[in-house]
Full PDB file with SEQRES, HELIX, SHEET, SSBOND, CRYST1, ORIGX, SCALE, CONECT and MASTER records, all heavy atoms in Angstrom:
SEQRES   1 A   39  LEU GLY THR GLY THR VAL LEU ALA GLY ASP PHE GLY ASP          
SEQRES   2 A   39  ARG VAL GLU HIS ARG LEU ASP ARG ARG GLY ASP ARG ILE          
SEQRES   3 A   39  GLU GLN ARG LEU ASP GLN ARG GLY ASP ARG ILE ASP ARG          
HELIX    1 AA1 ALA A    8  ASP A   38  1                                  31    
CRYST1    1.000    1.000    1.000  90.00  90.00  90.00 P 1           1          
ORIGX1      1.000000  0.000000  0.000000        0.00000                         
ORIGX2      0.000000  1.000000  0.000000        0.00000                         
ORIGX3      0.000000  0.000000  1.000000        0.00000                         
SCALE1      1.000000  0.000000  0.000000        0.00000                         
SCALE2      0.000000  1.000000  0.000000        0.00000                         
SCALE3      0.000000  0.000000  1.000000        0.00000                         
ATOM      1  N   LEU A   1      38.258  -6.333   1.668  1.00  0.00           N  
ATOM      2  CA  LEU A   1      38.714  -5.607   2.819  1.00  0.00           C  
ATOM      3  C   LEU A   1      38.991  -6.507   4.018  1.00  0.00           C  
ATOM      4  O   LEU A   1      39.517  -6.045   5.016  1.00  0.00           O  
ATOM      5  CB  LEU A   1      37.763  -4.502   3.194  1.00  0.00           C  
ATOM      6  CG  LEU A   1      37.572  -3.409   2.121  1.00  0.00           C  
ATOM      7  CD1 LEU A   1      36.514  -2.431   2.550  1.00  0.00           C  
ATOM      8  CD2 LEU A   1      38.867  -2.681   1.878  1.00  0.00           C  
ATOM      9  N   GLY A   2      38.546  -7.737   3.949  1.00  0.00           N  
ATOM     10  CA  GLY A   2      38.803  -8.656   5.021  1.00  0.00           C  
ATOM     11  C   GLY A   2      37.808  -8.537   6.203  1.00  0.00           C  
ATOM     12  O   GLY A   2      38.070  -9.027   7.279  1.00  0.00           O  
ATOM     13  N   THR A   3      36.682  -7.878   5.954  1.00  0.00           N  
ATOM     14  CA  THR A   3      35.741  -7.739   7.056  1.00  0.00           C  
ATOM     15  C   THR A   3      34.820  -8.946   7.124  1.00  0.00           C  
ATOM     16  O   THR A   3      33.958  -9.000   8.035  1.00  0.00           O  
ATOM     17  CB  THR A   3      34.888  -6.469   6.866  1.00  0.00           C  
ATOM     18  OG1 THR A   3      34.251  -6.494   5.577  1.00  0.00           O  
ATOM     19  CG2 THR A   3      35.734  -5.229   6.994  1.00  0.00           C  
ATOM     20  N   GLY A   4      34.966  -9.858   6.215  1.00  0.00           N  
ATOM     21  CA  GLY A   4      34.176 -11.110   6.294  1.00  0.00           C  
ATOM     22  C   GLY A   4      32.752 -10.972   5.859  1.00  0.00           C  
ATOM     23  O   GLY A   4      32.454 -10.398   4.848  1.00  0.00           O  
ATOM     24  N   THR A   5      31.846 -11.472   6.705  1.00  0.00           N  
ATOM     25  CA  THR A   5      30.471 -11.556   6.311  1.00  0.00           C  
ATOM     26  C   THR A   5      29.684 -10.376   6.905  1.00  0.00           C  
ATOM     27  O   THR A   5      28.989 -10.489   7.894  1.00  0.00           O  
ATOM     28  CB  THR A   5      29.852 -12.862   6.800  1.00  0.00           C  
ATOM     29  OG1 THR A   5      30.087 -12.953   8.206  1.00  0.00           O  
ATOM     30  CG2 THR A   5      30.492 -14.031   6.137  1.00  0.00           C  
ATOM     31  N   VAL A   6      29.779  -9.250   6.253  1.00  0.00           N  
ATOM     32  CA  VAL A   6      29.090  -8.083   6.725  1.00  0.00           C  
ATOM     33  C   VAL A   6      27.592  -8.235   6.589  1.00  0.00           C  
ATOM     34  O   VAL A   6      26.826  -7.872   7.481  1.00  0.00           O  
ATOM     35  CB  VAL A   6      29.547  -6.816   5.909  1.00  0.00           C  
ATOM     36  CG1 VAL A   6      28.702  -5.624   6.232  1.00  0.00           C  
ATOM     37  CG2 VAL A   6      31.007  -6.594   6.181  1.00  0.00           C  
ATOM     38  N   LEU A   7      27.174  -8.844   5.495  1.00  0.00           N  
ATOM     39  CA  LEU A   7      25.731  -8.921   5.241  1.00  0.00           C  
ATOM     40  C   LEU A   7      25.209 -10.366   5.503  1.00  0.00           C  
ATOM     41  O   LEU A   7      24.080 -10.649   5.064  1.00  0.00           O  
ATOM     42  CB  LEU A   7      25.449  -8.588   3.764  1.00  0.00           C  
ATOM     43  CG  LEU A   7      25.875  -7.179   3.329  1.00  0.00           C  
ATOM     44  CD1 LEU A   7      25.755  -7.040   1.847  1.00  0.00           C  
ATOM     45  CD2 LEU A   7      25.032  -6.155   4.047  1.00  0.00           C  
ATOM     46  N   ALA A   8      25.945 -11.168   6.172  1.00  0.00           N  
ATOM     47  CA  ALA A   8      25.546 -12.571   6.302  1.00  0.00           C  
ATOM     48  C   ALA A   8      24.212 -12.760   6.997  1.00  0.00           C  
ATOM     49  O   ALA A   8      23.365 -13.497   6.507  1.00  0.00           O  
ATOM     50  CB  ALA A   8      26.606 -13.354   7.068  1.00  0.00           C  
ATOM     51  N   GLY A   9      23.972 -12.123   8.109  1.00  0.00           N  
ATOM     52  CA  GLY A   9      22.733 -12.331   8.815  1.00  0.00           C  
ATOM     53  C   GLY A   9      21.527 -11.723   8.110  1.00  0.00           C  
ATOM     54  O   GLY A   9      20.436 -12.259   8.144  1.00  0.00           O  
ATOM     55  N   ASP A  10      21.773 -10.639   7.427  1.00  0.00           N  
ATOM     56  CA  ASP A  10      20.688  -9.885   6.779  1.00  0.00           C  
ATOM     57  C   ASP A  10      20.308 -10.490   5.422  1.00  0.00           C  
ATOM     58  O   ASP A  10      19.192 -10.398   4.994  1.00  0.00           O  
ATOM     59  CB  ASP A  10      21.104  -8.430   6.617  1.00  0.00           C  
ATOM     60  CG  ASP A  10      19.981  -7.551   6.200  1.00  0.00           C  
ATOM     61  OD1 ASP A  10      18.853  -7.783   6.697  1.00  0.00           O  
ATOM     62  OD2 ASP A  10      20.219  -6.617   5.407  1.00  0.00           O  
ATOM     63  N   PHE A  11      21.229 -11.169   4.751  1.00  0.00           N  
ATOM     64  CA  PHE A  11      21.030 -11.626   3.400  1.00  0.00           C  
ATOM     65  C   PHE A  11      19.898 -12.671   3.335  1.00  0.00           C  
ATOM     66  O   PHE A  11      19.025 -12.587   2.488  1.00  0.00           O  
ATOM     67  CB  PHE A  11      22.317 -12.231   2.825  1.00  0.00           C  
ATOM     68  CG  PHE A  11      22.184 -12.634   1.412  1.00  0.00           C  
ATOM     69  CD1 PHE A  11      22.050 -11.688   0.411  1.00  0.00           C  
ATOM     70  CD2 PHE A  11      22.161 -13.970   1.041  1.00  0.00           C  
ATOM     71  CE1 PHE A  11      21.900 -12.056  -0.920  1.00  0.00           C  
ATOM     72  CE2 PHE A  11      22.044 -14.343  -0.249  1.00  0.00           C  
ATOM     73  CZ  PHE A  11      21.896 -13.384  -1.250  1.00  0.00           C  
ATOM     74  N   GLY A  12      19.882 -13.608   4.273  1.00  0.00           N  
ATOM     75  CA  GLY A  12      18.822 -14.617   4.309  1.00  0.00           C  
ATOM     76  C   GLY A  12      17.447 -14.020   4.490  1.00  0.00           C  
ATOM     77  O   GLY A  12      16.478 -14.397   3.873  1.00  0.00           O  
ATOM     78  N   ASP A  13      17.376 -12.995   5.374  1.00  0.00           N  
ATOM     79  CA  ASP A  13      16.101 -12.310   5.619  1.00  0.00           C  
ATOM     80  C   ASP A  13      15.649 -11.566   4.344  1.00  0.00           C  
ATOM     81  O   ASP A  13      14.458 -11.548   4.064  1.00  0.00           O  
ATOM     82  CB  ASP A  13      16.258 -11.309   6.751  1.00  0.00           C  
ATOM     83  CG  ASP A  13      16.451 -12.013   8.085  1.00  0.00           C  
ATOM     84  OD1 ASP A  13      16.029 -13.162   8.266  1.00  0.00           O  
ATOM     85  OD2 ASP A  13      17.121 -11.377   8.966  1.00  0.00           O  
ATOM     86  N   ARG A  14      16.595 -10.952   3.652  1.00  0.00           N  
ATOM     87  CA  ARG A  14      16.239 -10.239   2.431  1.00  0.00           C  
ATOM     88  C   ARG A  14      15.718 -11.149   1.348  1.00  0.00           C  
ATOM     89  O   ARG A  14      14.735 -10.847   0.659  1.00  0.00           O  
ATOM     90  CB  ARG A  14      17.401  -9.408   1.951  1.00  0.00           C  
ATOM     91  CG  ARG A  14      17.656  -8.258   2.881  1.00  0.00           C  
ATOM     92  CD  ARG A  14      18.517  -7.165   2.350  1.00  0.00           C  
ATOM     93  NE  ARG A  14      19.144  -7.335   1.086  1.00  0.00           N  
ATOM     94  CZ  ARG A  14      20.437  -7.249   0.853  1.00  0.00           C  
ATOM     95  NH1 ARG A  14      21.259  -6.997   1.842  1.00  0.00           N  
ATOM     96  NH2 ARG A  14      20.948  -7.398  -0.314  1.00  0.00           N  
ATOM     97  N   VAL A  15      16.343 -12.316   1.192  1.00  0.00           N  
ATOM     98  CA  VAL A  15      15.883 -13.303   0.231  1.00  0.00           C  
ATOM     99  C   VAL A  15      14.493 -13.783   0.596  1.00  0.00           C  
ATOM    100  O   VAL A  15      13.585 -13.861  -0.232  1.00  0.00           O  
ATOM    101  CB  VAL A  15      16.862 -14.476   0.071  1.00  0.00           C  
ATOM    102  CG1 VAL A  15      16.262 -15.576  -0.726  1.00  0.00           C  
ATOM    103  CG2 VAL A  15      18.173 -13.982  -0.514  1.00  0.00           C  
ATOM    104  N   GLU A  16      14.275 -14.072   1.870  1.00  0.00           N  
ATOM    105  CA  GLU A  16      12.974 -14.500   2.337  1.00  0.00           C  
ATOM    106  C   GLU A  16      11.918 -13.453   2.090  1.00  0.00           C  
ATOM    107  O   GLU A  16      10.827 -13.760   1.564  1.00  0.00           O  
ATOM    108  CB  GLU A  16      13.016 -14.809   3.845  1.00  0.00           C  
ATOM    109  CG  GLU A  16      11.709 -15.266   4.404  1.00  0.00           C  
ATOM    110  CD  GLU A  16      11.788 -15.530   5.903  1.00  0.00           C  
ATOM    111  OE1 GLU A  16      12.814 -15.302   6.522  1.00  0.00           O  
ATOM    112  OE2 GLU A  16      10.769 -15.950   6.452  1.00  0.00           O  
ATOM    113  N   HIS A  17      12.232 -12.213   2.349  1.00  0.00           N  
ATOM    114  CA  HIS A  17      11.287 -11.103   2.138  1.00  0.00           C  
ATOM    115  C   HIS A  17      10.961 -10.949   0.640  1.00  0.00           C  
ATOM    116  O   HIS A  17       9.810 -10.736   0.262  1.00  0.00           O  
ATOM    117  CB  HIS A  17      11.834  -9.824   2.709  1.00  0.00           C  
ATOM    118  CG  HIS A  17      10.922  -8.669   2.631  1.00  0.00           C  
ATOM    119  ND1 HIS A  17       9.733  -8.659   3.331  1.00  0.00           N  
ATOM    120  CD2 HIS A  17      10.980  -7.518   1.944  1.00  0.00           C  
ATOM    121  CE1 HIS A  17       9.080  -7.505   3.082  1.00  0.00           C  
ATOM    122  NE2 HIS A  17       9.830  -6.823   2.230  1.00  0.00           N  
ATOM    123  N   ARG A  18      11.990 -11.067  -0.196  1.00  0.00           N  
ATOM    124  CA  ARG A  18      11.763 -10.930  -1.638  1.00  0.00           C  
ATOM    125  C   ARG A  18      10.868 -12.005  -2.164  1.00  0.00           C  
ATOM    126  O   ARG A  18       9.927 -11.777  -2.929  1.00  0.00           O  
ATOM    127  CB  ARG A  18      13.110 -10.977  -2.400  1.00  0.00           C  
ATOM    128  CG  ARG A  18      13.001 -10.621  -3.862  1.00  0.00           C  
ATOM    129  CD  ARG A  18      14.246 -10.872  -4.627  1.00  0.00           C  
ATOM    130  NE  ARG A  18      14.392 -12.312  -4.759  1.00  0.00           N  
ATOM    131  CZ  ARG A  18      15.547 -12.960  -4.679  1.00  0.00           C  
ATOM    132  NH1 ARG A  18      16.650 -12.339  -4.440  1.00  0.00           N  
ATOM    133  NH2 ARG A  18      15.593 -14.279  -4.854  1.00  0.00           N  
ATOM    134  N   LEU A  19      11.090 -13.254  -1.741  1.00  0.00           N  
ATOM    135  CA  LEU A  19      10.241 -14.370  -2.164  1.00  0.00           C  
ATOM    136  C   LEU A  19       8.823 -14.225  -1.639  1.00  0.00           C  
ATOM    137  O   LEU A  19       7.830 -14.557  -2.296  1.00  0.00           O  
ATOM    138  CB  LEU A  19      10.827 -15.719  -1.710  1.00  0.00           C  
ATOM    139  CG  LEU A  19      12.092 -16.138  -2.478  1.00  0.00           C  
ATOM    140  CD1 LEU A  19      12.694 -17.367  -1.841  1.00  0.00           C  
ATOM    141  CD2 LEU A  19      11.788 -16.402  -3.927  1.00  0.00           C  
ATOM    142  N   ASP A  20       8.675 -13.699  -0.431  1.00  0.00           N  
ATOM    143  CA  ASP A  20       7.363 -13.449   0.154  1.00  0.00           C  
ATOM    144  C   ASP A  20       6.584 -12.412  -0.654  1.00  0.00           C  
ATOM    145  O   ASP A  20       5.408 -12.620  -0.990  1.00  0.00           O  
ATOM    146  CB  ASP A  20       7.515 -12.978   1.596  1.00  0.00           C  
ATOM    147  CG  ASP A  20       6.168 -12.832   2.276  1.00  0.00           C  
ATOM    148  OD1 ASP A  20       5.268 -13.620   2.021  1.00  0.00           O  
ATOM    149  OD2 ASP A  20       6.034 -11.865   3.051  1.00  0.00           O  
ATOM    150  N   ARG A  21       7.270 -11.323  -1.012  1.00  0.00           N  
ATOM    151  CA  ARG A  21       6.637 -10.289  -1.834  1.00  0.00           C  
ATOM    152  C   ARG A  21       6.232 -10.835  -3.223  1.00  0.00           C  
ATOM    153  O   ARG A  21       5.165 -10.525  -3.731  1.00  0.00           O  
ATOM    154  CB  ARG A  21       7.555  -9.079  -2.011  1.00  0.00           C  
ATOM    155  CG  ARG A  21       7.646  -8.182  -0.827  1.00  0.00           C  
ATOM    156  CD  ARG A  21       8.324  -6.880  -1.155  1.00  0.00           C  
ATOM    157  NE  ARG A  21       9.317  -6.984  -2.208  1.00  0.00           N  
ATOM    158  CZ  ARG A  21      10.630  -6.967  -2.025  1.00  0.00           C  
ATOM    159  NH1 ARG A  21      11.133  -6.797  -0.846  1.00  0.00           N  
ATOM    160  NH2 ARG A  21      11.446  -7.040  -3.031  1.00  0.00           N  
ATOM    161  N   ARG A  22       7.114 -11.637  -3.774  1.00  0.00           N  
ATOM    162  CA  ARG A  22       6.832 -12.232  -5.087  1.00  0.00           C  
ATOM    163  C   ARG A  22       5.605 -13.126  -5.033  1.00  0.00           C  
ATOM    164  O   ARG A  22       4.712 -13.066  -5.893  1.00  0.00           O  
ATOM    165  CB  ARG A  22       8.030 -13.039  -5.544  1.00  0.00           C  
ATOM    166  CG  ARG A  22       7.893 -13.676  -6.863  1.00  0.00           C  
ATOM    167  CD  ARG A  22       9.190 -14.414  -7.248  1.00  0.00           C  
ATOM    168  NE  ARG A  22       8.998 -15.229  -8.386  1.00  0.00           N  
ATOM    169  CZ  ARG A  22       9.763 -16.259  -8.702  1.00  0.00           C  
ATOM    170  NH1 ARG A  22      10.805 -16.526  -7.952  1.00  0.00           N  
ATOM    171  NH2 ARG A  22       9.554 -16.975  -9.748  1.00  0.00           N  
ATOM    172  N   GLY A  23       5.517 -13.962  -3.992  1.00  0.00           N  
ATOM    173  CA  GLY A  23       4.328 -14.813  -3.814  1.00  0.00           C  
ATOM    174  C   GLY A  23       3.078 -14.028  -3.618  1.00  0.00           C  
ATOM    175  O   GLY A  23       1.995 -14.363  -4.144  1.00  0.00           O  
ATOM    176  N   ASP A  24       3.165 -12.922  -2.847  1.00  0.00           N  
ATOM    177  CA  ASP A  24       1.999 -12.093  -2.611  1.00  0.00           C  
ATOM    178  C   ASP A  24       1.523 -11.422  -3.920  1.00  0.00           C  
ATOM    179  O   ASP A  24       0.313 -11.349  -4.167  1.00  0.00           O  
ATOM    180  CB  ASP A  24       2.316 -10.974  -1.590  1.00  0.00           C  
ATOM    181  CG  ASP A  24       2.511 -11.522  -0.205  1.00  0.00           C  
ATOM    182  OD1 ASP A  24       2.077 -12.691   0.045  1.00  0.00           O  
ATOM    183  OD2 ASP A  24       3.086 -10.800   0.622  1.00  0.00           O  
ATOM    184  N   ARG A  25       2.468 -10.973  -4.746  1.00  0.00           N  
ATOM    185  CA  ARG A  25       2.100 -10.367  -6.030  1.00  0.00           C  
ATOM    186  C   ARG A  25       1.424 -11.366  -6.950  1.00  0.00           C  
ATOM    187  O   ARG A  25       0.408 -11.086  -7.595  1.00  0.00           O  
ATOM    188  CB  ARG A  25       3.322  -9.756  -6.721  1.00  0.00           C  
ATOM    189  CG  ARG A  25       3.735  -8.477  -6.188  1.00  0.00           C  
ATOM    190  CD  ARG A  25       4.768  -7.787  -7.095  1.00  0.00           C  
ATOM    191  NE  ARG A  25       5.851  -8.633  -7.484  1.00  0.00           N  
ATOM    192  CZ  ARG A  25       7.048  -8.730  -6.879  1.00  0.00           C  
ATOM    193  NH1 ARG A  25       7.264  -7.970  -5.809  1.00  0.00           N  
ATOM    194  NH2 ARG A  25       7.975  -9.529  -7.318  1.00  0.00           N  
ATOM    195  N   ILE A  26       1.954 -12.589  -7.023  1.00  0.00           N  
ATOM    196  CA  ILE A  26       1.371 -13.633  -7.864  1.00  0.00           C  
ATOM    197  C   ILE A  26      -0.016 -13.985  -7.359  1.00  0.00           C  
ATOM    198  O   ILE A  26      -0.955 -14.083  -8.162  1.00  0.00           O  
ATOM    199  CB  ILE A  26       2.286 -14.868  -7.904  1.00  0.00           C  
ATOM    200  CG1 ILE A  26       3.569 -14.556  -8.663  1.00  0.00           C  
ATOM    201  CG2 ILE A  26       1.561 -16.067  -8.531  1.00  0.00           C  
ATOM    202  CD1 ILE A  26       4.622 -15.650  -8.557  1.00  0.00           C  
ATOM    203  N   GLU A  27      -0.165 -14.161  -6.041  1.00  0.00           N  
ATOM    204  CA  GLU A  27      -1.466 -14.449  -5.481  1.00  0.00           C  
ATOM    205  C   GLU A  27      -2.463 -13.361  -5.785  1.00  0.00           C  
ATOM    206  O   GLU A  27      -3.611 -13.628  -6.162  1.00  0.00           O  
ATOM    207  CB  GLU A  27      -1.353 -14.644  -3.970  1.00  0.00           C  
ATOM    208  CG  GLU A  27      -2.689 -14.983  -3.321  1.00  0.00           C  
ATOM    209  CD  GLU A  27      -2.538 -15.047  -1.798  1.00  0.00           C  
ATOM    210  OE1 GLU A  27      -1.558 -14.575  -1.225  1.00  0.00           O  
ATOM    211  OE2 GLU A  27      -3.467 -15.598  -1.204  1.00  0.00           O  
ATOM    212  N   GLN A  28      -2.061 -12.124  -5.610  1.00  0.00           N  
ATOM    213  CA  GLN A  28      -2.989 -11.006  -5.873  1.00  0.00           C  
ATOM    214  C   GLN A  28      -3.398 -10.958  -7.345  1.00  0.00           C  
ATOM    215  O   GLN A  28      -4.561 -10.752  -7.686  1.00  0.00           O  
ATOM    216  CB  GLN A  28      -2.307  -9.696  -5.469  1.00  0.00           C  
ATOM    217  CG  GLN A  28      -3.188  -8.458  -5.661  1.00  0.00           C  
ATOM    218  CD  GLN A  28      -2.460  -7.195  -5.268  1.00  0.00           C  
ATOM    219  OE1 GLN A  28      -1.215  -7.176  -5.231  1.00  0.00           O  
ATOM    220  NE2 GLN A  28      -3.179  -6.171  -4.961  1.00  0.00           N  
ATOM    221  N   ARG A  29      -2.418 -11.169  -8.235  1.00  0.00           N  
ATOM    222  CA  ARG A  29      -2.726 -11.143  -9.681  1.00  0.00           C  
ATOM    223  C   ARG A  29      -3.701 -12.216 -10.071  1.00  0.00           C  
ATOM    224  O   ARG A  29      -4.622 -12.007 -10.828  1.00  0.00           O  
ATOM    225  CB  ARG A  29      -1.404 -11.246 -10.471  1.00  0.00           C  
ATOM    226  CG  ARG A  29      -1.513 -10.788 -11.879  1.00  0.00           C  
ATOM    227  CD  ARG A  29      -0.157 -10.686 -12.563  1.00  0.00           C  
ATOM    228  NE  ARG A  29       0.623 -11.882 -12.447  1.00  0.00           N  
ATOM    229  CZ  ARG A  29       1.865 -11.936 -11.939  1.00  0.00           C  
ATOM    230  NH1 ARG A  29       2.427 -10.859 -11.467  1.00  0.00           N  
ATOM    231  NH2 ARG A  29       2.526 -13.081 -11.903  1.00  0.00           N  
ATOM    232  N   LEU A  30      -3.488 -13.451  -9.545  1.00  0.00           N  
ATOM    233  CA  LEU A  30      -4.405 -14.523  -9.834  1.00  0.00           C  
ATOM    234  C   LEU A  30      -5.799 -14.291  -9.241  1.00  0.00           C  
ATOM    235  O   LEU A  30      -6.818 -14.630  -9.863  1.00  0.00           O  
ATOM    236  CB  LEU A  30      -3.844 -15.868  -9.348  1.00  0.00           C  
ATOM    237  CG  LEU A  30      -2.681 -16.432 -10.167  1.00  0.00           C  
ATOM    238  CD1 LEU A  30      -2.082 -17.653  -9.485  1.00  0.00           C  
ATOM    239  CD2 LEU A  30      -3.153 -16.798 -11.555  1.00  0.00           C  
ATOM    240  N   ASP A  31      -5.881 -13.765  -8.046  1.00  0.00           N  
ATOM    241  CA  ASP A  31      -7.172 -13.392  -7.441  1.00  0.00           C  
ATOM    242  C   ASP A  31      -7.897 -12.381  -8.312  1.00  0.00           C  
ATOM    243  O   ASP A  31      -9.120 -12.531  -8.534  1.00  0.00           O  
ATOM    244  CB  ASP A  31      -7.021 -12.860  -6.048  1.00  0.00           C  
ATOM    245  CG  ASP A  31      -6.717 -13.925  -5.003  1.00  0.00           C  
ATOM    246  OD1 ASP A  31      -6.964 -15.118  -5.322  1.00  0.00           O  
ATOM    247  OD2 ASP A  31      -6.252 -13.609  -3.923  1.00  0.00           O  
ATOM    248  N   GLN A  32      -7.192 -11.351  -8.779  1.00  0.00           N  
ATOM    249  CA  GLN A  32      -7.828 -10.353  -9.596  1.00  0.00           C  
ATOM    250  C   GLN A  32      -8.287 -10.950 -10.923  1.00  0.00           C  
ATOM    251  O   GLN A  32      -9.395 -10.636 -11.400  1.00  0.00           O  
ATOM    252  CB  GLN A  32      -6.853  -9.180  -9.873  1.00  0.00           C  
ATOM    253  CG  GLN A  32      -6.577  -8.339  -8.677  1.00  0.00           C  
ATOM    254  CD  GLN A  32      -5.474  -7.342  -8.940  1.00  0.00           C  
ATOM    255  OE1 GLN A  32      -4.762  -7.402  -9.970  1.00  0.00           O  
ATOM    256  NE2 GLN A  32      -5.290  -6.432  -8.015  1.00  0.00           N  
ATOM    257  N   ARG A  33      -7.503 -11.842 -11.495  1.00  0.00           N  
ATOM    258  CA  ARG A  33      -7.904 -12.480 -12.746  1.00  0.00           C  
ATOM    259  C   ARG A  33      -9.174 -13.331 -12.520  1.00  0.00           C  
ATOM    260  O   ARG A  33     -10.094 -13.282 -13.340  1.00  0.00           O  
ATOM    261  CB  ARG A  33      -6.760 -13.373 -13.220  1.00  0.00           C  
ATOM    262  CG  ARG A  33      -6.995 -14.073 -14.508  1.00  0.00           C  
ATOM    263  CD  ARG A  33      -5.772 -14.865 -14.934  1.00  0.00           C  
ATOM    264  NE  ARG A  33      -6.044 -15.702 -16.080  1.00  0.00           N  
ATOM    265  CZ  ARG A  33      -5.381 -16.733 -16.410  1.00  0.00           C  
ATOM    266  NH1 ARG A  33      -4.339 -17.108 -15.663  1.00  0.00           N  
ATOM    267  NH2 ARG A  33      -5.683 -17.438 -17.466  1.00  0.00           N  
ATOM    268  N   GLY A  34      -9.196 -14.091 -11.464  1.00  0.00           N  
ATOM    269  CA  GLY A  34     -10.401 -14.891 -11.152  1.00  0.00           C  
ATOM    270  C   GLY A  34     -11.631 -14.003 -10.941  1.00  0.00           C  
ATOM    271  O   GLY A  34     -12.743 -14.358 -11.412  1.00  0.00           O  
ATOM    272  N   ASP A  35     -11.459 -12.896 -10.237  1.00  0.00           N  
ATOM    273  CA  ASP A  35     -12.564 -11.999  -9.995  1.00  0.00           C  
ATOM    274  C   ASP A  35     -13.082 -11.410 -11.315  1.00  0.00           C  
ATOM    275  O   ASP A  35     -14.304 -11.290 -11.512  1.00  0.00           O  
ATOM    276  CB  ASP A  35     -12.179 -10.865  -9.057  1.00  0.00           C  
ATOM    277  CG  ASP A  35     -11.964 -11.364  -7.644  1.00  0.00           C  
ATOM    278  OD1 ASP A  35     -12.478 -12.428  -7.276  1.00  0.00           O  
ATOM    279  OD2 ASP A  35     -11.287 -10.631  -6.839  1.00  0.00           O  
ATOM    280  N   ARG A  36     -12.178 -11.024 -12.223  1.00  0.00           N  
ATOM    281  CA  ARG A  36     -12.578 -10.466 -13.493  1.00  0.00           C  
ATOM    282  C   ARG A  36     -13.358 -11.489 -14.316  1.00  0.00           C  
ATOM    283  O   ARG A  36     -14.420 -11.185 -14.873  1.00  0.00           O  
ATOM    284  CB  ARG A  36     -11.336 -10.048 -14.308  1.00  0.00           C  
ATOM    285  CG  ARG A  36     -10.827  -8.664 -14.006  1.00  0.00           C  
ATOM    286  CD  ARG A  36      -9.858  -8.177 -15.062  1.00  0.00           C  
ATOM    287  NE  ARG A  36      -8.885  -9.181 -15.449  1.00  0.00           N  
ATOM    288  CZ  ARG A  36      -7.670  -9.316 -14.911  1.00  0.00           C  
ATOM    289  NH1 ARG A  36      -7.282  -8.522 -13.952  1.00  0.00           N  
ATOM    290  NH2 ARG A  36      -6.833 -10.248 -15.383  1.00  0.00           N  
ATOM    291  N   ILE A  37     -12.896 -12.730 -14.345  1.00  0.00           N  
ATOM    292  CA  ILE A  37     -13.605 -13.789 -15.093  1.00  0.00           C  
ATOM    293  C   ILE A  37     -14.944 -14.033 -14.466  1.00  0.00           C  
ATOM    294  O   ILE A  37     -15.972 -14.196 -15.166  1.00  0.00           O  
ATOM    295  CB  ILE A  37     -12.727 -15.054 -15.121  1.00  0.00           C  
ATOM    296  CG1 ILE A  37     -11.496 -14.836 -16.007  1.00  0.00           C  
ATOM    297  CG2 ILE A  37     -13.547 -16.248 -15.674  1.00  0.00           C  
ATOM    298  CD1 ILE A  37     -10.493 -15.970 -15.913  1.00  0.00           C  
ATOM    299  N   ASP A  38     -14.987 -14.102 -13.122  1.00  0.00           N  
ATOM    300  CA  ASP A  38     -16.271 -14.355 -12.435  1.00  0.00           C  
ATOM    301  C   ASP A  38     -17.276 -13.249 -12.729  1.00  0.00           C  
ATOM    302  O   ASP A  38     -18.478 -13.485 -12.971  1.00  0.00           O  
ATOM    303  CB  ASP A  38     -16.022 -14.507 -10.923  1.00  0.00           C  
ATOM    304  CG  ASP A  38     -17.240 -14.948 -10.180  1.00  0.00           C  
ATOM    305  OD1 ASP A  38     -18.087 -15.681 -10.773  1.00  0.00           O  
ATOM    306  OD2 ASP A  38     -17.394 -14.587  -9.007  1.00  0.00           O  
ATOM    307  N   ARG A  39     -16.834 -11.982 -12.686  1.00  0.00           N  
ATOM    308  CA  ARG A  39     -17.741 -10.860 -12.954  1.00  0.00           C  
ATOM    309  C   ARG A  39     -18.266 -10.923 -14.390  1.00  0.00           C  
ATOM    310  O   ARG A  39     -19.430 -10.675 -14.627  1.00  0.00           O  
ATOM    311  CB  ARG A  39     -17.047  -9.528 -12.692  1.00  0.00           C  
ATOM    312  CG  ARG A  39     -16.962  -9.148 -11.219  1.00  0.00           C  
ATOM    313  CD  ARG A  39     -16.592  -7.677 -11.028  1.00  0.00           C  
ATOM    314  NE  ARG A  39     -15.333  -7.365 -11.685  1.00  0.00           N  
ATOM    315  CZ  ARG A  39     -14.148  -7.431 -11.105  1.00  0.00           C  
ATOM    316  NH1 ARG A  39     -14.031  -7.828  -9.855  1.00  0.00           N  
ATOM    317  NH2 ARG A  39     -13.037  -7.105 -11.758  1.00  0.00           N  
TER     318      ARG A  39                                                      
MASTER        0    0    0    1    0    0    0    6  317    1    0    3          
END                                                                             
């Protein structure tokens, strides 16, 4: 449509947020695993 970069400013923030959530999930899963083994 020629409107250019409609999502340009928001796209980088969304990728950053997605990677942040992914890291949080991995960290939480590993913490839970360590707690289970320790118990």
